[in-house]
Amino acid sequence: MKSIGYFEIQSAEPSRAIAFYHALFEWEFTRQEGIPIEYYHIETGSITGGLMKRPADLPDFGQTTNAFTCSVSVDNFDEMSERILASGGQLLLPKFAIYGKCWQGYFLDPDQNCFGLFQVDPLAGI
């Protein structure tokens, strides 16, 4: 079986996205030279990724996501949700239980990229 080994985030304002994700999850960003667009390597402590200057117009609000959506594992869903909203993120789908596994929810970053949060909890929804 193949596992996901890399992810990418698109941003109209990379410096804003870097500040948002670093403040929330302490991810580190390194500018990558020699690439034809503004691009940053992301080190998360587990899976690595990239952040790029958005190469096209943002879809209209309310359209479906045209990408894979990644979810970040957190120790306290409610606390992180409050931090996301205070940092300029928006709630997309409120916290819900995946029965016996975790609490899950979805948010938009300041560039309207969808991402998820989950808190492992074997008693979720029970």
C-alpha atoms as a PDB file:
ATOM      1  CA  MET A   1       0.000   0.000   0.000  1.00  0.00           C
ATOM      2  CA  LYS A   2       1.276   3.491  -0.828  1.00  0.00           C
ATOM      3  CA  SER A   3       1.008   6.281   1.760  1.00  0.00           C
ATOM      4  CA  ILE A   4       0.847  10.034   1.274  1.00  0.00           C
ATOM      5  CA  GLY A   5       4.336  11.465   1.439  1.00  0.00           C
ATOM      6  CA  TYR A   6       3.916  15.151   0.573  1.00  0.00           C
ATOM      7  CA  PHE A   7       1.283  17.896   0.523  1.00  0.00           C
ATOM      8  CA  GLU A   8       1.012  21.390  -0.954  1.00  0.00           C
ATOM      9  CA  ILE A   9      -0.843  24.545   0.037  1.00  0.00           C
ATOM     10  CA  GLN A  10      -1.595  27.351  -2.406  1.00  0.00           C
ATOM     11  CA  SER A  11      -1.689  30.978  -1.236  1.00  0.00           C
ATOM     12  CA  ALA A  12      -2.309  34.378  -2.805  1.00  0.00           C
ATOM     13  CA  GLU A  13      -0.084  35.832  -0.055  1.00  0.00           C
ATOM     14  CA  PRO A  14       2.523  33.267   1.017  1.00  0.00           C
ATOM     15  CA  SER A  15       3.818  35.400   3.901  1.00  0.00           C
ATOM     16  CA  ARG A  16       0.302  35.491   5.412  1.00  0.00           C
ATOM     17  CA  ALA A  17      -0.085  31.701   5.062  1.00  0.00           C
ATOM     18  CA  ILE A  18       3.359  31.112   6.579  1.00  0.00           C
ATOM     19  CA  ALA A  19       2.451  33.264   9.608  1.00  0.00           C
ATOM     20  CA  PHE A  20      -0.913  31.480   9.996  1.00  0.00           C
ATOM     21  CA  TYR A  21       0.405  27.900   9.892  1.00  0.00           C
ATOM     22  CA  HIS A  22       3.555  28.648  11.903  1.00  0.00           C
ATOM     23  CA  ALA A  23       1.511  30.315  14.682  1.00  0.00           C
ATOM     24  CA  LEU A  24      -0.971  27.432  14.865  1.00  0.00           C
ATOM     25  CA  PHE A  25       1.115  24.316  14.297  1.00  0.00           C
ATOM     26  CA  GLU A  26       4.730  25.572  14.602  1.00  0.00           C
ATOM     27  CA  TRP A  27       5.513  24.433  11.053  1.00  0.00           C
ATOM     28  CA  GLU A  28       8.810  25.714   9.607  1.00  0.00           C
ATOM     29  CA  PHE A  29       9.048  27.205   6.093  1.00  0.00           C
ATOM     30  CA  THR A  30      12.147  27.530   3.888  1.00  0.00           C
ATOM     31  CA  ARG A  31      12.140  29.449   0.605  1.00  0.00           C
ATOM     32  CA  GLN A  32      13.175  27.234  -2.314  1.00  0.00           C
ATOM     33  CA  GLU A  33      15.249  28.973  -4.986  1.00  0.00           C
ATOM     34  CA  GLY A  34      15.503  27.878  -8.599  1.00  0.00           C
ATOM     35  CA  ILE A  35      11.803  27.052  -8.913  1.00  0.00           C
ATOM     36  CA  PRO A  36       9.802  29.091 -11.471  1.00  0.00           C
ATOM     37  CA  ILE A  37       7.198  30.185  -8.855  1.00  0.00           C
ATOM     38  CA  GLU A  38       7.444  31.441  -5.262  1.00  0.00           C
ATOM     39  CA  TYR A  39       7.731  28.183  -3.322  1.00  0.00           C
ATOM     40  CA  TYR A  40       8.502  27.170   0.291  1.00  0.00           C
ATOM     41  CA  HIS A  41       9.372  23.770   1.779  1.00  0.00           C
ATOM     42  CA  ILE A  42       7.260  22.959   4.874  1.00  0.00           C
ATOM     43  CA  GLU A  43       8.635  20.885   7.742  1.00  0.00           C
ATOM     44  CA  THR A  44       5.859  19.660  10.054  1.00  0.00           C
ATOM     45  CA  GLY A  45       7.675  17.126  12.199  1.00  0.00           C
ATOM     46  CA  SER A  46       6.036  14.287  10.255  1.00  0.00           C
ATOM     47  CA  ILE A  47       4.915  14.585   6.627  1.00  0.00           C
ATOM     48  CA  THR A  48       6.648  17.319   4.622  1.00  0.00           C
ATOM     49  CA  GLY A  49       5.018  19.665   2.192  1.00  0.00           C
ATOM     50  CA  GLY A  50       5.228  22.801   0.152  1.00  0.00           C
ATOM     51  CA  LEU A  51       3.568  26.187  -0.002  1.00  0.00           C
ATOM     52  CA  MET A  52       3.315  27.930  -3.353  1.00  0.00           C
ATOM     53  CA  LYS A  53       2.109  31.250  -4.650  1.00  0.00           C
ATOM     54  CA  ARG A  54      -1.387  30.525  -6.023  1.00  0.00           C
ATOM     55  CA  PRO A  55      -0.961  30.151  -9.814  1.00  0.00           C
ATOM     56  CA  ALA A  56      -4.627  30.824 -10.725  1.00  0.00           C
ATOM     57  CA  ASP A  57      -7.702  32.669  -9.487  1.00  0.00           C
ATOM     58  CA  LEU A  58      -9.416  31.401  -6.344  1.00  0.00           C
ATOM     59  CA  PRO A  59     -12.667  29.507  -7.027  1.00  0.00           C
ATOM     60  CA  ASP A  60     -15.880  31.264  -5.964  1.00  0.00           C
ATOM     61  CA  PHE A  61     -16.830  30.732  -2.315  1.00  0.00           C
ATOM     62  CA  GLY A  62     -19.069  27.733  -1.831  1.00  0.00           C
ATOM     63  CA  GLN A  63     -17.634  25.688  -4.678  1.00  0.00           C
ATOM     64  CA  THR A  64     -16.325  22.275  -3.794  1.00  0.00           C
ATOM     65  CA  THR A  65     -12.664  21.705  -3.037  1.00  0.00           C
ATOM     66  CA  ASN A  66     -10.660  20.769  -6.124  1.00  0.00           C
ATOM     67  CA  ALA A  67      -7.832  19.019  -4.285  1.00  0.00           C
ATOM     68  CA  PHE A  68      -7.024  16.518  -1.577  1.00  0.00           C
ATOM     69  CA  THR A  69      -7.919  17.830   1.873  1.00  0.00           C
ATOM     70  CA  CYS A  70      -5.424  17.174   4.654  1.00  0.00           C
ATOM     71  CA  SER A  71      -6.343  16.957   8.333  1.00  0.00           C
ATOM     72  CA  VAL A  72      -3.977  17.806  11.188  1.00  0.00           C
ATOM     73  CA  SER A  73      -3.909  15.724  14.368  1.00  0.00           C
ATOM     74  CA  VAL A  74      -4.182  17.873  17.515  1.00  0.00           C
ATOM     75  CA  ASP A  75      -4.282  17.166  21.243  1.00  0.00           C
ATOM     76  CA  ASN A  76      -7.225  19.497  21.968  1.00  0.00           C
ATOM     77  CA  PHE A  77      -9.699  20.142  19.149  1.00  0.00           C
ATOM     78  CA  ASP A  78     -11.636  22.915  20.922  1.00  0.00           C
ATOM     79  CA  GLU A  79      -8.521  24.867  21.907  1.00  0.00           C
ATOM     80  CA  MET A  80      -7.076  24.674  18.384  1.00  0.00           C
ATOM     81  CA  SER A  81     -10.419  25.651  16.862  1.00  0.00           C
ATOM     82  CA  GLU A  82     -10.419  28.828  18.978  1.00  0.00           C
ATOM     83  CA  ARG A  83      -6.833  29.597  17.905  1.00  0.00           C
ATOM     84  CA  ILE A  84      -7.696  29.100  14.224  1.00  0.00           C
ATOM     85  CA  LEU A  85     -10.627  31.509  14.431  1.00  0.00           C
ATOM     86  CA  ALA A  86      -8.555  34.067  16.376  1.00  0.00           C
ATOM     87  CA  SER A  87      -5.822  33.833  13.707  1.00  0.00           C
ATOM     88  CA  GLY A  88      -8.125  34.687  10.803  1.00  0.00           C
ATOM     89  CA  GLY A  89      -9.356  31.214   9.863  1.00  0.00           C
ATOM     90  CA  GLN A  90     -13.017  30.392   9.348  1.00  0.00           C
ATOM     91  CA  LEU A  91     -15.168  27.476  10.469  1.00  0.00           C
ATOM     92  CA  LEU A  92     -16.308  25.400   7.499  1.00  0.00           C
ATOM     93  CA  LEU A  93     -17.797  22.283   9.139  1.00  0.00           C
ATOM     94  CA  PRO A  94     -18.177  22.197  12.945  1.00  0.00           C
ATOM     95  CA  LYS A  95     -16.697  19.463  15.131  1.00  0.00           C
ATOM     96  CA  PHE A  96     -18.400  16.088  14.790  1.00  0.00           C
ATOM     97  CA  ALA A  97     -17.715  12.576  16.065  1.00  0.00           C
ATOM     98  CA  ILE A  98     -16.345   9.781  13.948  1.00  0.00           C
ATOM     99  CA  TYR A  99     -17.809   7.118  16.175  1.00  0.00           C
ATOM    100  CA  GLY A 100     -15.237   5.463  18.405  1.00  0.00           C
ATOM    101  CA  LYS A 101     -12.281   7.057  16.615  1.00  0.00           C
ATOM    102  CA  CYS A 102     -11.957  10.838  16.780  1.00  0.00           C
ATOM    103  CA  TRP A 103     -13.460  14.308  16.692  1.00  0.00           C
ATOM    104  CA  GLN A 104     -13.215  15.925  13.235  1.00  0.00           C
ATOM    105  CA  GLY A 105     -13.946  19.354  11.785  1.00  0.00           C
ATOM    106  CA  TYR A 106     -12.998  21.544   8.828  1.00  0.00           C
ATOM    107  CA  PHE A 107     -11.783  25.116   8.494  1.00  0.00           C
ATOM    108  CA  LEU A 108     -10.657  27.633   5.879  1.00  0.00           C
ATOM    109  CA  ASP A 109      -7.297  29.358   6.152  1.00  0.00           C
ATOM    110  CA  PRO A 110      -7.015  33.063   5.197  1.00  0.00           C
ATOM    111  CA  ASP A 111      -6.653  31.998   1.514  1.00  0.00           C
ATOM    112  CA  GLN A 112      -9.852  29.908   1.706  1.00  0.00           C
ATOM    113  CA  ASN A 113      -7.932  26.618   1.558  1.00  0.00           C
ATOM    114  CA  CYS A 114      -9.865  23.874   3.310  1.00  0.00           C
ATOM    115  CA  PHE A 115      -8.087  21.830   5.976  1.00  0.00           C
ATOM    116  CA  GLY A 116      -9.265  19.494   8.694  1.00  0.00           C
ATOM    117  CA  LEU A 117      -8.480  18.939  12.352  1.00  0.00           C
ATOM    118  CA  PHE A 118      -8.925  15.743  14.261  1.00  0.00           C
ATOM    119  CA  GLN A 119      -8.471  14.746  17.892  1.00  0.00           C
ATOM    120  CA  VAL A 120      -8.134  11.014  18.490  1.00  0.00           C
ATOM    121  CA  ASP A 121     -10.701   9.861  21.051  1.00  0.00           C
ATOM    122  CA  PRO A 122     -11.868   6.221  21.220  1.00  0.00           C
ATOM    123  CA  LEU A 123     -14.957   7.478  23.093  1.00  0.00           C
ATOM    124  CA  ALA A 124     -15.998  10.016  20.432  1.00  0.00           C
ATOM    125  CA  GLY A 125     -19.744   9.845  19.893  1.00  0.00           C
ATOM    126  CA  ILE A 126     -20.204   6.988  22.354  1.00  0.00           C
END
